[in-house]
Amino acid sequence: VQLQASGGGLVQAGGSLRLSCAASGRISGINVMGWHRQAPGKQRGLVAAVNSDGNTKYSDSVKGRFTVSRSFVRNTVYLQMNSLKLEDTAVYYCVIRLLLSDAAYWGQGTQVTVSS
């Protein structure tokens, strides 16, 4: 299973970015798709996730600003990030959890930098 993330970059505070992460390989079914992030000197933590029923979960810090979605056809998860703040600066990692095995797979990480 491979995860290919894209869409990171440099943006001014208040701006928007959209991250994408496509899963490929031996995938019989994906339960949860989501995003974590890790800022310098901090632990990696959940940003947002969506399960196979379409239910979503967000960290309190991004509620109302970020939207997670997925394409079941493309095995792709998206993260629309609006009203970006300096504290959103981090490496963003996509993660999936398979339906049958419950195994988790991580993407390589994409840098998001928010400038003032």
PDB file of N, CA and C in Angstrom:
ATOM      1  N   VAL A   1       0.855  -1.186   0.000  1.00  0.00           N
ATOM      2  CA  VAL A   1       0.000   0.000   0.000  1.00  0.00           C
ATOM      3  C   VAL A   1       0.887   1.231   0.000  1.00  0.00           C
ATOM      4  N   GLN A   2       0.580   2.148  -0.906  1.00  0.00           N
ATOM      5  CA  GLN A   2       1.347   3.395  -0.981  1.00  0.00           C
ATOM      6  C   GLN A   2       0.381   4.577  -0.876  1.00  0.00           C
ATOM      7  N   LEU A   3       0.852   5.607  -0.202  1.00  0.00           N
ATOM      8  CA  LEU A   3       0.087   6.832  -0.086  1.00  0.00           C
ATOM      9  C   LEU A   3       0.907   7.970  -0.669  1.00  0.00           C
ATOM     10  N   GLN A   4       0.311   8.719  -1.569  1.00  0.00           N
ATOM     11  CA  GLN A   4       0.998   9.832  -2.206  1.00  0.00           C
ATOM     12  C   GLN A   4       0.255  11.110  -1.886  1.00  0.00           C
ATOM     13  N   ALA A   5       0.884  11.955  -1.085  1.00  0.00           N
ATOM     14  CA  ALA A   5       0.268  13.213  -0.681  1.00  0.00           C
ATOM     15  C   ALA A   5       0.785  14.356  -1.534  1.00  0.00           C
ATOM     16  N   SER A   6      -0.050  15.353  -1.711  1.00  0.00           N
ATOM     17  CA  SER A   6       0.337  16.533  -2.469  1.00  0.00           C
ATOM     18  C   SER A   6      -0.485  17.736  -1.999  1.00  0.00           C
ATOM     19  N   GLY A   7      -0.033  18.923  -2.385  1.00  0.00           N
ATOM     20  CA  GLY A   7      -0.807  20.119  -2.106  1.00  0.00           C
ATOM     21  C   GLY A   7      -0.245  21.027  -1.042  1.00  0.00           C
ATOM     22  N   GLY A   8       0.808  20.615  -0.379  1.00  0.00           N
ATOM     23  CA  GLY A   8       1.392  21.470   0.639  1.00  0.00           C
ATOM     24  C   GLY A   8       2.103  22.661   0.015  1.00  0.00           C
ATOM     25  N   GLY A   9       2.554  23.581   0.856  1.00  0.00           N
ATOM     26  CA  GLY A   9       3.263  24.734   0.346  1.00  0.00           C
ATOM     27  C   GLY A   9       3.278  25.876   1.323  1.00  0.00           C
ATOM     28  N   LEU A  10       3.609  27.059   0.796  1.00  0.00           N
ATOM     29  CA  LEU A  10       3.693  28.273   1.594  1.00  0.00           C
ATOM     30  C   LEU A  10       2.489  29.151   1.300  1.00  0.00           C
ATOM     31  N   VAL A  11       1.842  29.622   2.339  1.00  0.00           N
ATOM     32  CA  VAL A  11       0.656  30.457   2.176  1.00  0.00           C
ATOM     33  C   VAL A  11       0.638  31.509   3.273  1.00  0.00           C
ATOM     34  N   GLN A  12       0.061  32.651   2.964  1.00  0.00           N
ATOM     35  CA  GLN A  12      -0.058  33.695   3.976  1.00  0.00           C
ATOM     36  C   GLN A  12      -1.198  33.386   4.936  1.00  0.00           C
ATOM     37  N   ALA A  13      -1.079  33.906   6.121  1.00  0.00           N
ATOM     38  CA  ALA A  13      -2.147  33.738   7.107  1.00  0.00           C
ATOM     39  C   ALA A  13      -3.462  34.247   6.531  1.00  0.00           C
ATOM     40  N   GLY A  14      -4.515  33.463   6.767  1.00  0.00           N
ATOM     41  CA  GLY A  14      -5.817  33.800   6.219  1.00  0.00           C
ATOM     42  C   GLY A  14      -6.095  33.146   4.882  1.00  0.00           C
ATOM     43  N   GLY A  15      -5.073  32.569   4.286  1.00  0.00           N
ATOM     44  CA  GLY A  15      -5.218  31.929   2.987  1.00  0.00           C
ATOM     45  C   GLY A  15      -5.722  30.507   3.091  1.00  0.00           C
ATOM     46  N   SER A  16      -5.726  29.834   1.940  1.00  0.00           N
ATOM     47  CA  SER A  16      -6.255  28.474   1.854  1.00  0.00           C
ATOM     48  C   SER A  16      -5.284  27.562   1.120  1.00  0.00           C
ATOM     49  N   LEU A  17      -5.361  26.297   1.462  1.00  0.00           N
ATOM     50  CA  LEU A  17      -4.642  25.240   0.758  1.00  0.00           C
ATOM     51  C   LEU A  17      -5.520  24.013   0.740  1.00  0.00           C
ATOM     52  N   ARG A  18      -5.289  23.155  -0.258  1.00  0.00           N
ATOM     53  CA  ARG A  18      -5.999  21.898  -0.319  1.00  0.00           C
ATOM     54  C   ARG A  18      -4.984  20.771  -0.463  1.00  0.00           C
ATOM     55  N   LEU A  19      -5.029  19.856   0.487  1.00  0.00           N
ATOM     56  CA  LEU A  19      -4.163  18.693   0.450  1.00  0.00           C
ATOM     57  C   LEU A  19      -4.924  17.504  -0.137  1.00  0.00           C
ATOM     58  N   SER A  20      -4.183  16.675  -0.850  1.00  0.00           N
ATOM     59  CA  SER A  20      -4.750  15.443  -1.389  1.00  0.00           C
ATOM     60  C   SER A  20      -3.829  14.286  -1.044  1.00  0.00           C
ATOM     61  N   CYS A  21      -4.405  13.111  -0.893  1.00  0.00           N
ATOM     62  CA  CYS A  21      -3.606  11.924  -0.627  1.00  0.00           C
ATOM     63  C   CYS A  21      -4.291  10.735  -1.278  1.00  0.00           C
ATOM     64  N   ALA A  22      -3.596  10.133  -2.241  1.00  0.00           N
ATOM     65  CA  ALA A  22      -4.149   9.003  -2.971  1.00  0.00           C
ATOM     66  C   ALA A  22      -3.510   7.706  -2.500  1.00  0.00           C
ATOM     67  N   ALA A  23      -4.345   6.730  -2.213  1.00  0.00           N
ATOM     68  CA  ALA A  23      -3.873   5.417  -1.791  1.00  0.00           C
ATOM     69  C   ALA A  23      -3.902   4.460  -2.978  1.00  0.00           C
ATOM     70  N   SER A  24      -2.863   3.628  -3.069  1.00  0.00           N
ATOM     71  CA  SER A  24      -2.806   2.642  -4.147  1.00  0.00           C
ATOM     72  C   SER A  24      -2.174   1.367  -3.626  1.00  0.00           C
ATOM     73  N   GLY A  25      -2.310   0.311  -4.411  1.00  0.00           N
ATOM     74  CA  GLY A  25      -1.741  -0.966  -4.015  1.00  0.00           C
ATOM     75  C   GLY A  25      -2.837  -1.957  -3.654  1.00  0.00           C
ATOM     76  N   ARG A  26      -2.491  -2.930  -2.795  1.00  0.00           N
ATOM     77  CA  ARG A  26      -3.419  -3.997  -2.408  1.00  0.00           C
ATOM     78  C   ARG A  26      -4.382  -3.462  -1.344  1.00  0.00           C
ATOM     79  N   ILE A  27      -5.458  -2.883  -1.827  1.00  0.00           N
ATOM     80  CA  ILE A  27      -6.432  -2.285  -0.922  1.00  0.00           C
ATOM     81  C   ILE A  27      -7.778  -2.942  -1.168  1.00  0.00           C
ATOM     82  N   SER A  28      -8.232  -3.715  -0.191  1.00  0.00           N
ATOM     83  CA  SER A  28      -9.527  -4.364  -0.350  1.00  0.00           C
ATOM     84  C   SER A  28     -10.656  -3.483   0.142  1.00  0.00           C
ATOM     85  N   GLY A  29     -10.327  -2.586   1.019  1.00  0.00           N
ATOM     86  CA  GLY A  29     -11.340  -1.668   1.532  1.00  0.00           C
ATOM     87  C   GLY A  29     -10.706  -0.782   2.583  1.00  0.00           C
ATOM     88  N   ILE A  30     -11.049   0.474   2.555  1.00  0.00           N
ATOM     89  CA  ILE A  30     -10.483   1.434   3.504  1.00  0.00           C
ATOM     90  C   ILE A  30     -11.570   1.872   4.470  1.00  0.00           C
ATOM     91  N   ASN A  31     -11.278   1.773   5.754  1.00  0.00           N
ATOM     92  CA  ASN A  31     -12.227   2.197   6.763  1.00  0.00           C
ATOM     93  C   ASN A  31     -12.097   3.700   7.012  1.00  0.00           C
ATOM     94  N   VAL A  32     -10.962   4.089   7.530  1.00  0.00           N
ATOM     95  CA  VAL A  32     -10.754   5.488   7.894  1.00  0.00           C
ATOM     96  C   VAL A  32      -9.645   6.101   7.041  1.00  0.00           C
ATOM     97  N   MET A  33      -9.867   7.307   6.607  1.00  0.00           N
ATOM     98  CA  MET A  33      -8.835   8.101   5.931  1.00  0.00           C
ATOM     99  C   MET A  33      -8.739   9.429   6.665  1.00  0.00           C
ATOM    100  N   GLY A  34      -7.521   9.902   6.861  1.00  0.00           N
ATOM    101  CA  GLY A  34      -7.412  11.144   7.599  1.00  0.00           C
ATOM    102  C   GLY A  34      -6.056  11.797   7.510  1.00  0.00           C
ATOM    103  N   TRP A  35      -5.919  12.818   8.324  1.00  0.00           N
ATOM    104  CA  TRP A  35      -4.699  13.626   8.346  1.00  0.00           C
ATOM    105  C   TRP A  35      -4.254  13.862   9.786  1.00  0.00           C
ATOM    106  N   HIS A  36      -2.971  13.730   9.994  1.00  0.00           N
ATOM    107  CA  HIS A  36      -2.336  14.139  11.234  1.00  0.00           C
ATOM    108  C   HIS A  36      -1.323  15.217  10.878  1.00  0.00           C
ATOM    109  N   ARG A  37      -0.843  15.915  11.869  1.00  0.00           N
ATOM    110  CA  ARG A  37       0.211  16.889  11.617  1.00  0.00           C
ATOM    111  C   ARG A  37       1.192  16.921  12.772  1.00  0.00           C
ATOM    112  N   GLN A  38       2.405  17.364  12.445  1.00  0.00           N
ATOM    113  CA  GLN A  38       3.445  17.472  13.469  1.00  0.00           C
ATOM    114  C   GLN A  38       4.220  18.760  13.240  1.00  0.00           C
ATOM    115  N   ALA A  39       4.140  19.634  14.221  1.00  0.00           N
ATOM    116  CA  ALA A  39       4.893  20.878  14.195  1.00  0.00           C
ATOM    117  C   ALA A  39       6.231  20.650  14.890  1.00  0.00           C
ATOM    118  N   PRO A  40       7.221  21.482  14.610  1.00  0.00           N
ATOM    119  CA  PRO A  40       8.538  21.321  15.247  1.00  0.00           C
ATOM    120  C   PRO A  40       8.441  21.318  16.767  1.00  0.00           C
ATOM    121  N   GLY A  41       9.029  20.315  17.385  1.00  0.00           N
ATOM    122  CA  GLY A  41       9.036  20.231  18.829  1.00  0.00           C
ATOM    123  C   GLY A  41       7.747  19.743  19.457  1.00  0.00           C
ATOM    124  N   LYS A  42       6.793  19.329  18.629  1.00  0.00           N
ATOM    125  CA  LYS A  42       5.505  18.871  19.142  1.00  0.00           C
ATOM    126  C   LYS A  42       5.227  17.452  18.676  1.00  0.00           C
ATOM    127  N   GLN A  43       4.304  16.814  19.370  1.00  0.00           N
ATOM    128  CA  GLN A  43       3.906  15.464  18.984  1.00  0.00           C
ATOM    129  C   GLN A  43       2.960  15.504  17.799  1.00  0.00           C
ATOM    130  N   ARG A  44       2.976  14.420  17.046  1.00  0.00           N
ATOM    131  CA  ARG A  44       2.030  14.290  15.940  1.00  0.00           C
ATOM    132  C   ARG A  44       0.635  14.088  16.504  1.00  0.00           C
ATOM    133  N   GLY A  45      -0.339  14.772  15.894  1.00  0.00           N
ATOM    134  CA  GLY A  45      -1.702  14.639  16.385  1.00  0.00           C
ATOM    135  C   GLY A  45      -2.717  14.690  15.270  1.00  0.00           C
ATOM    136  N   LEU A  46      -3.898  14.211  15.583  1.00  0.00           N
ATOM    137  CA  LEU A  46      -4.984  14.157  14.606  1.00  0.00           C
ATOM    138  C   LEU A  46      -5.435  15.546  14.214  1.00  0.00           C
ATOM    139  N   VAL A  47      -5.646  15.734  12.906  1.00  0.00           N
ATOM    140  CA  VAL A  47      -6.241  16.964  12.392  1.00  0.00           C
ATOM    141  C   VAL A  47      -7.703  16.692  12.044  1.00  0.00           C
ATOM    142  N   ALA A  48      -7.904  15.698  11.176  1.00  0.00           N
ATOM    143  CA  ALA A  48      -9.257  15.386  10.730  1.00  0.00           C
ATOM    144  C   ALA A  48      -9.271  13.984  10.140  1.00  0.00           C
ATOM    145  N   ALA A  49     -10.428  13.339  10.202  1.00  0.00           N
ATOM    146  CA  ALA A  49     -10.563  11.999   9.639  1.00  0.00           C
ATOM    147  C   ALA A  49     -11.997  11.778   9.198  1.00  0.00           C
ATOM    148  N   VAL A  50     -12.152  10.854   8.245  1.00  0.00           N
ATOM    149  CA  VAL A  50     -13.481  10.494   7.755  1.00  0.00           C
ATOM    150  C   VAL A  50     -13.521   8.979   7.608  1.00  0.00           C
ATOM    151  N   ASN A  51     -14.602   8.368   8.082  1.00  0.00           N
ATOM    152  CA  ASN A  51     -14.681   6.911   7.991  1.00  0.00           C
ATOM    153  C   ASN A  51     -15.511   6.473   6.787  1.00  0.00           C
ATOM    154  N   SER A  52     -15.718   5.172   6.678  1.00  0.00           N
ATOM    155  CA  SER A  52     -16.401   4.627   5.506  1.00  0.00           C
ATOM    156  C   SER A  52     -17.882   4.992   5.460  1.00  0.00           C
ATOM    157  N   ASP A  53     -18.434   5.436   6.582  1.00  0.00           N
ATOM    158  CA  ASP A  53     -19.826   5.890   6.612  1.00  0.00           C
ATOM    159  C   ASP A  53     -19.951   7.370   6.293  1.00  0.00           C
ATOM    160  N   GLY A  54     -18.796   8.018   6.126  1.00  0.00           N
ATOM    161  CA  GLY A  54     -18.806   9.450   5.861  1.00  0.00           C
ATOM    162  C   GLY A  54     -18.802  10.311   7.102  1.00  0.00           C
ATOM    163  N   ASN A  55     -18.695   9.685   8.260  1.00  0.00           N
ATOM    164  CA  ASN A  55     -18.630  10.452   9.500  1.00  0.00           C
ATOM    165  C   ASN A  55     -17.256  11.086   9.644  1.00  0.00           C
ATOM    166  N   THR A  56     -17.234  12.316  10.108  1.00  0.00           N
ATOM    167  CA  THR A  56     -15.980  13.053  10.215  1.00  0.00           C
ATOM    168  C   THR A  56     -15.657  13.393  11.663  1.00  0.00           C
ATOM    169  N   LYS A  57     -14.382  13.623  11.883  1.00  0.00           N
ATOM    170  CA  LYS A  57     -13.890  14.003  13.202  1.00  0.00           C
ATOM    171  C   LYS A  57     -12.803  15.038  12.997  1.00  0.00           C
ATOM    172  N   TYR A  58     -12.822  16.075  13.839  1.00  0.00           N
ATOM    173  CA  TYR A  58     -11.848  17.157  13.718  1.00  0.00           C
ATOM    174  C   TYR A  58     -11.236  17.468  15.076  1.00  0.00           C
ATOM    175  N   SER A  59      -9.999  17.926  15.044  1.00  0.00           N
ATOM    176  CA  SER A  59      -9.433  18.470  16.269  1.00  0.00           C
ATOM    177  C   SER A  59     -10.098  19.825  16.530  1.00  0.00           C
ATOM    178  N   ASP A  60     -10.174  20.192  17.779  1.00  0.00           N
ATOM    179  CA  ASP A  60     -10.842  21.447  18.131  1.00  0.00           C
ATOM    180  C   ASP A  60     -10.184  22.649  17.456  1.00  0.00           C
ATOM    181  N   SER A  61      -8.895  22.571  17.239  1.00  0.00           N
ATOM    182  CA  SER A  61      -8.162  23.716  16.706  1.00  0.00           C
ATOM    183  C   SER A  61      -8.482  24.020  15.239  1.00  0.00           C
ATOM    184  N   VAL A  62      -9.078  23.052  14.532  1.00  0.00           N
ATOM    185  CA  VAL A  62      -9.345  23.284  13.114  1.00  0.00           C
ATOM    186  C   VAL A  62     -10.839  23.284  12.777  1.00  0.00           C
ATOM    187  N   LYS A  63     -11.674  22.997  13.754  1.00  0.00           N
ATOM    188  CA  LYS A  63     -13.122  22.968  13.495  1.00  0.00           C
ATOM    189  C   LYS A  63     -13.602  24.300  12.933  1.00  0.00           C
ATOM    190  N   GLY A  64     -14.405  24.203  11.890  1.00  0.00           N
ATOM    191  CA  GLY A  64     -14.941  25.406  11.266  1.00  0.00           C
ATOM    192  C   GLY A  64     -14.023  26.009  10.217  1.00  0.00           C
ATOM    193  N   ARG A  65     -12.783  25.539  10.148  1.00  0.00           N
ATOM    194  CA  ARG A  65     -11.837  26.066   9.161  1.00  0.00           C
ATOM    195  C   ARG A  65     -11.403  25.010   8.152  1.00  0.00           C
ATOM    196  N   PHE A  66     -11.275  23.777   8.598  1.00  0.00           N
ATOM    197  CA  PHE A  66     -10.820  22.686   7.740  1.00  0.00           C
ATOM    198  C   PHE A  66     -11.996  21.752   7.429  1.00  0.00           C
ATOM    199  N   THR A  67     -11.943  21.178   6.236  1.00  0.00           N
ATOM    200  CA  THR A  67     -12.944  20.196   5.838  1.00  0.00           C
ATOM    201  C   THR A  67     -12.248  18.984   5.237  1.00  0.00           C
ATOM    202  N   VAL A  68     -12.546  17.819   5.792  1.00  0.00           N
ATOM    203  CA  VAL A  68     -11.999  16.567   5.273  1.00  0.00           C
ATOM    204  C   VAL A  68     -13.065  15.874   4.428  1.00  0.00           C
ATOM    205  N   SER A  69     -12.634  15.294   3.324  1.00  0.00           N
ATOM    206  CA  SER A  69     -13.550  14.558   2.452  1.00  0.00           C
ATOM    207  C   SER A  69     -12.771  13.441   1.778  1.00  0.00           C
ATOM    208  N   ARG A  70     -13.500  12.538   1.150  1.00  0.00           N
ATOM    209  CA  ARG A  70     -12.837  11.426   0.482  1.00  0.00           C
ATOM    210  C   ARG A  70     -13.581  11.034  -0.783  1.00  0.00           C
ATOM    211  N   SER A  71     -12.840  10.428  -1.693  1.00  0.00           N
ATOM    212  CA  SER A  71     -13.414   9.833  -2.892  1.00  0.00           C
ATOM    213  C   SER A  71     -13.233   8.329  -2.772  1.00  0.00           C
ATOM    214  N   PHE A  72     -14.350   7.611  -2.698  1.00  0.00           N
ATOM    215  CA  PHE A  72     -14.275   6.163  -2.588  1.00  0.00           C
ATOM    216  C   PHE A  72     -13.800   5.560  -3.906  1.00  0.00           C
ATOM    217  N   VAL A  73     -14.115   6.194  -4.999  1.00  0.00           N
ATOM    218  CA  VAL A  73     -13.718   5.690  -6.310  1.00  0.00           C
ATOM    219  C   VAL A  73     -12.212   5.828  -6.499  1.00  0.00           C
ATOM    220  N   ARG A  74     -11.675   6.963  -6.096  1.00  0.00           N
ATOM    221  CA  ARG A  74     -10.244   7.238  -6.301  1.00  0.00           C
ATOM    222  C   ARG A  74      -9.385   6.841  -5.101  1.00  0.00           C
ATOM    223  N   ASN A  75      -9.995   6.351  -4.017  1.00  0.00           N
ATOM    224  CA  ASN A  75      -9.238   6.046  -2.783  1.00  0.00           C
ATOM    225  C   ASN A  75      -8.380   7.235  -2.371  1.00  0.00           C
ATOM    226  N   THR A  76      -8.981   8.393  -2.385  1.00  0.00           N
ATOM    227  CA  THR A  76      -8.267   9.629  -2.107  1.00  0.00           C
ATOM    228  C   THR A  76      -8.962  10.397  -0.987  1.00  0.00           C
ATOM    229  N   VAL A  77      -8.147  10.970  -0.120  1.00  0.00           N
ATOM    230  CA  VAL A  77      -8.666  11.817   0.949  1.00  0.00           C
ATOM    231  C   VAL A  77      -8.155  13.239   0.723  1.00  0.00           C
ATOM    232  N   TYR A  78      -9.014  14.193   1.013  1.00  0.00           N
ATOM    233  CA  TYR A  78      -8.701  15.598   0.804  1.00  0.00           C
ATOM    234  C   TYR A  78      -8.808  16.357   2.130  1.00  0.00           C
ATOM    235  N   LEU A  79      -8.055  17.431   2.214  1.00  0.00           N
ATOM    236  CA  LEU A  79      -8.181  18.319   3.359  1.00  0.00           C
ATOM    237  C   LEU A  79      -8.191  19.751   2.834  1.00  0.00           C
ATOM    238  N   GLN A  80      -9.354  20.366   2.883  1.00  0.00           N
ATOM    239  CA  GLN A  80      -9.480  21.760   2.495  1.00  0.00           C
ATOM    240  C   GLN A  80      -9.217  22.614   3.728  1.00  0.00           C
ATOM    241  N   MET A  81      -8.213  23.445   3.655  1.00  0.00           N
ATOM    242  CA  MET A  81      -7.808  24.253   4.800  1.00  0.00           C
ATOM    243  C   MET A  81      -8.036  25.720   4.466  1.00  0.00           C
ATOM    244  N   ASN A  82      -8.931  26.342   5.198  1.00  0.00           N
ATOM    245  CA  ASN A  82      -9.246  27.756   5.013  1.00  0.00           C
ATOM    246  C   ASN A  82      -8.864  28.536   6.264  1.00  0.00           C
ATOM    247  N   SER A  83      -8.773  29.843   6.111  1.00  0.00           N
ATOM    248  CA  SER A  83      -8.450  30.728   7.236  1.00  0.00           C
ATOM    249  C   SER A  83      -7.226  30.224   7.989  1.00  0.00           C
ATOM    250  N   LEU A  84      -6.197  29.920   7.265  1.00  0.00           N
ATOM    251  CA  LEU A  84      -5.001  29.328   7.868  1.00  0.00           C
ATOM    252  C   LEU A  84      -4.336  30.302   8.828  1.00  0.00           C
ATOM    253  N   LYS A  85      -3.815  29.729   9.902  1.00  0.00           N
ATOM    254  CA  LYS A  85      -3.148  30.499  10.944  1.00  0.00           C
ATOM    255  C   LYS A  85      -1.681  30.079  11.035  1.00  0.00           C
ATOM    256  N   LEU A  86      -0.890  30.933  11.666  1.00  0.00           N
ATOM    257  CA  LEU A  86       0.525  30.617  11.825  1.00  0.00           C
ATOM    258  C   LEU A  86       0.719  29.272  12.505  1.00  0.00           C
ATOM    259  N   GLU A  87      -0.149  28.982  13.461  1.00  0.00           N
ATOM    260  CA  GLU A  87      -0.009  27.741  14.228  1.00  0.00           C
ATOM    261  C   GLU A  87      -0.422  26.497  13.451  1.00  0.00           C
ATOM    262  N   ASP A  88      -0.894  26.666  12.232  1.00  0.00           N
ATOM    263  CA  ASP A  88      -1.187  25.517  11.389  1.00  0.00           C
ATOM    264  C   ASP A  88       0.072  25.010  10.677  1.00  0.00           C
ATOM    265  N   THR A  89       1.152  25.747  10.803  1.00  0.00           N
ATOM    266  CA  THR A  89       2.406  25.336  10.186  1.00  0.00           C
ATOM    267  C   THR A  89       2.869  24.004  10.761  1.00  0.00           C
ATOM    268  N   ALA A  90       3.076  23.036   9.890  1.00  0.00           N
ATOM    269  CA  ALA A  90       3.444  21.684  10.323  1.00  0.00           C
ATOM    270  C   ALA A  90       3.683  20.816   9.092  1.00  0.00           C
ATOM    271  N   VAL A  91       4.187  19.626   9.349  1.00  0.00           N
ATOM    272  CA  VAL A  91       4.194  18.590   8.317  1.00  0.00           C
ATOM    273  C   VAL A  91       2.901  17.810   8.471  1.00  0.00           C
ATOM    274  N   TYR A  92       2.179  17.687   7.395  1.00  0.00           N
ATOM    275  CA  TYR A  92       0.887  17.005   7.401  1.00  0.00           C
ATOM    276  C   TYR A  92       1.054  15.602   6.814  1.00  0.00           C
ATOM    277  N   TYR A  93       0.561  14.617   7.544  1.00  0.00           N
ATOM    278  CA  TYR A  93       0.670  13.218   7.130  1.00  0.00           C
ATOM    279  C   TYR A  93      -0.728  12.656   6.896  1.00  0.00           C
ATOM    280  N   CYS A  94      -0.912  12.018   5.767  1.00  0.00           N
ATOM    281  CA  CYS A  94      -2.160  11.301   5.571  1.00  0.00           C
ATOM    282  C   CYS A  94      -2.002   9.886   6.123  1.00  0.00           C
ATOM    283  N   VAL A  95      -3.106   9.331   6.541  1.00  0.00           N
ATOM    284  CA  VAL A  95      -3.102   7.993   7.110  1.00  0.00           C
ATOM    285  C   VAL A  95      -4.402   7.301   6.726  1.00  0.00           C
ATOM    286  N   ILE A  96      -4.302   6.006   6.459  1.00  0.00           N
ATOM    287  CA  ILE A  96      -5.499   5.219   6.210  1.00  0.00           C
ATOM    288  C   ILE A  96      -5.483   3.999   7.118  1.00  0.00           C
ATOM    289  N   ARG A  97      -6.672   3.515   7.414  1.00  0.00           N
ATOM    290  CA  ARG A  97      -6.792   2.277   8.186  1.00  0.00           C
ATOM    291  C   ARG A  97      -7.690   1.350   7.383  1.00  0.00           C
ATOM    292  N   LEU A  98      -7.156   0.152   7.083  1.00  0.00           N
ATOM    293  CA  LEU A  98      -7.890  -0.768   6.229  1.00  0.00           C
ATOM    294  C   LEU A  98      -9.055  -1.398   6.962  1.00  0.00           C
ATOM    295  N   LEU A  99     -10.050  -1.790   6.168  1.00  0.00           N
ATOM    296  CA  LEU A  99     -11.301  -2.267   6.733  1.00  0.00           C
ATOM    297  C   LEU A  99     -11.147  -3.642   7.386  1.00  0.00           C
ATOM    298  N   LEU A 100     -10.544  -4.577   6.695  1.00  0.00           N
ATOM    299  CA  LEU A 100     -10.502  -5.952   7.201  1.00  0.00           C
ATOM    300  C   LEU A 100      -9.366  -6.182   8.193  1.00  0.00           C
ATOM    301  N   SER A 101      -8.169  -5.756   7.842  1.00  0.00           N
ATOM    302  CA  SER A 101      -7.011  -6.024   8.688  1.00  0.00           C
ATOM    303  C   SER A 101      -6.818  -4.994   9.788  1.00  0.00           C
ATOM    304  N   ASP A 102      -7.451  -3.807   9.657  1.00  0.00           N
ATOM    305  CA  ASP A 102      -7.269  -2.695  10.593  1.00  0.00           C
ATOM    306  C   ASP A 102      -5.830  -2.172  10.582  1.00  0.00           C
ATOM    307  N   ALA A 103      -5.055  -2.559   9.567  1.00  0.00           N
ATOM    308  CA  ALA A 103      -3.686  -2.056   9.465  1.00  0.00           C
ATOM    309  C   ALA A 103      -3.699  -0.590   9.071  1.00  0.00           C
ATOM    310  N   ALA A 104      -2.732   0.152   9.592  1.00  0.00           N
ATOM    311  CA  ALA A 104      -2.618   1.577   9.294  1.00  0.00           C
ATOM    312  C   ALA A 104      -1.407   1.829   8.402  1.00  0.00           C
ATOM    313  N   TYR A 105      -1.586   2.733   7.459  1.00  0.00           N
ATOM    314  CA  TYR A 105      -0.508   3.120   6.559  1.00  0.00           C
ATOM    315  C   TYR A 105      -0.413   4.634   6.528  1.00  0.00           C
ATOM    316  N   TRP A 106       0.838   5.124   6.508  1.00  0.00           N
ATOM    317  CA  TRP A 106       1.090   6.559   6.552  1.00  0.00           C
ATOM    318  C   TRP A 106       1.721   7.034   5.252  1.00  0.00           C
ATOM    319  N   GLY A 107       1.384   8.253   4.864  1.00  0.00           N
ATOM    320  CA  GLY A 107       2.037   8.908   3.747  1.00  0.00           C
ATOM    321  C   GLY A 107       3.355   9.523   4.174  1.00  0.00           C
ATOM    322  N   GLN A 108       4.058  10.100   3.216  1.00  0.00           N
ATOM    323  CA  GLN A 108       5.414  10.587   3.479  1.00  0.00           C
ATOM    324  C   GLN A 108       5.429  11.963   4.134  1.00  0.00           C
ATOM    325  N   GLY A 109       4.311  12.633   4.190  1.00  0.00           N
ATOM    326  CA  GLY A 109       4.272  13.963   4.803  1.00  0.00           C
ATOM    327  C   GLY A 109       4.451  15.065   3.784  1.00  0.00           C
ATOM    328  N   THR A 110       3.690  16.109   3.963  1.00  0.00           N
ATOM    329  CA  THR A 110       3.812  17.282   3.102  1.00  0.00           C
ATOM    330  C   THR A 110       3.845  18.535   3.983  1.00  0.00           C
ATOM    331  N   GLN A 111       4.759  19.429   3.680  1.00  0.00           N
ATOM    332  CA  GLN A 111       4.971  20.610   4.525  1.00  0.00           C
ATOM    333  C   GLN A 111       3.953  21.689   4.205  1.00  0.00           C
ATOM    334  N   VAL A 112       3.343  22.218   5.245  1.00  0.00           N
ATOM    335  CA  VAL A 112       2.475  23.391   5.132  1.00  0.00           C
ATOM    336  C   VAL A 112       3.083  24.482   5.996  1.00  0.00           C
ATOM    337  N   THR A 113       3.374  25.611   5.381  1.00  0.00           N
ATOM    338  CA  THR A 113       3.963  26.734   6.101  1.00  0.00           C
ATOM    339  C   THR A 113       3.077  27.959   5.923  1.00  0.00           C
ATOM    340  N   VAL A 114       2.639  28.508   7.045  1.00  0.00           N
ATOM    341  CA  VAL A 114       1.790  29.692   7.032  1.00  0.00           C
ATOM    342  C   VAL A 114       2.622  30.876   7.513  1.00  0.00           C
ATOM    343  N   SER A 115       2.694  31.917   6.688  1.00  0.00           N
ATOM    344  CA  SER A 115       3.511  33.082   7.011  1.00  0.00           C
ATOM    345  C   SER A 115       2.626  34.275   7.363  1.00  0.00           C
ATOM    346  N   SER A 116       3.204  35.189   8.093  1.00  0.00           N
ATOM    347  CA  SER A 116       2.442  36.393   8.501  1.00  0.00           C
ATOM    348  C   SER A 116       2.514  37.470   7.441  1.00  0.00           C
TER     349      SER A 116
END
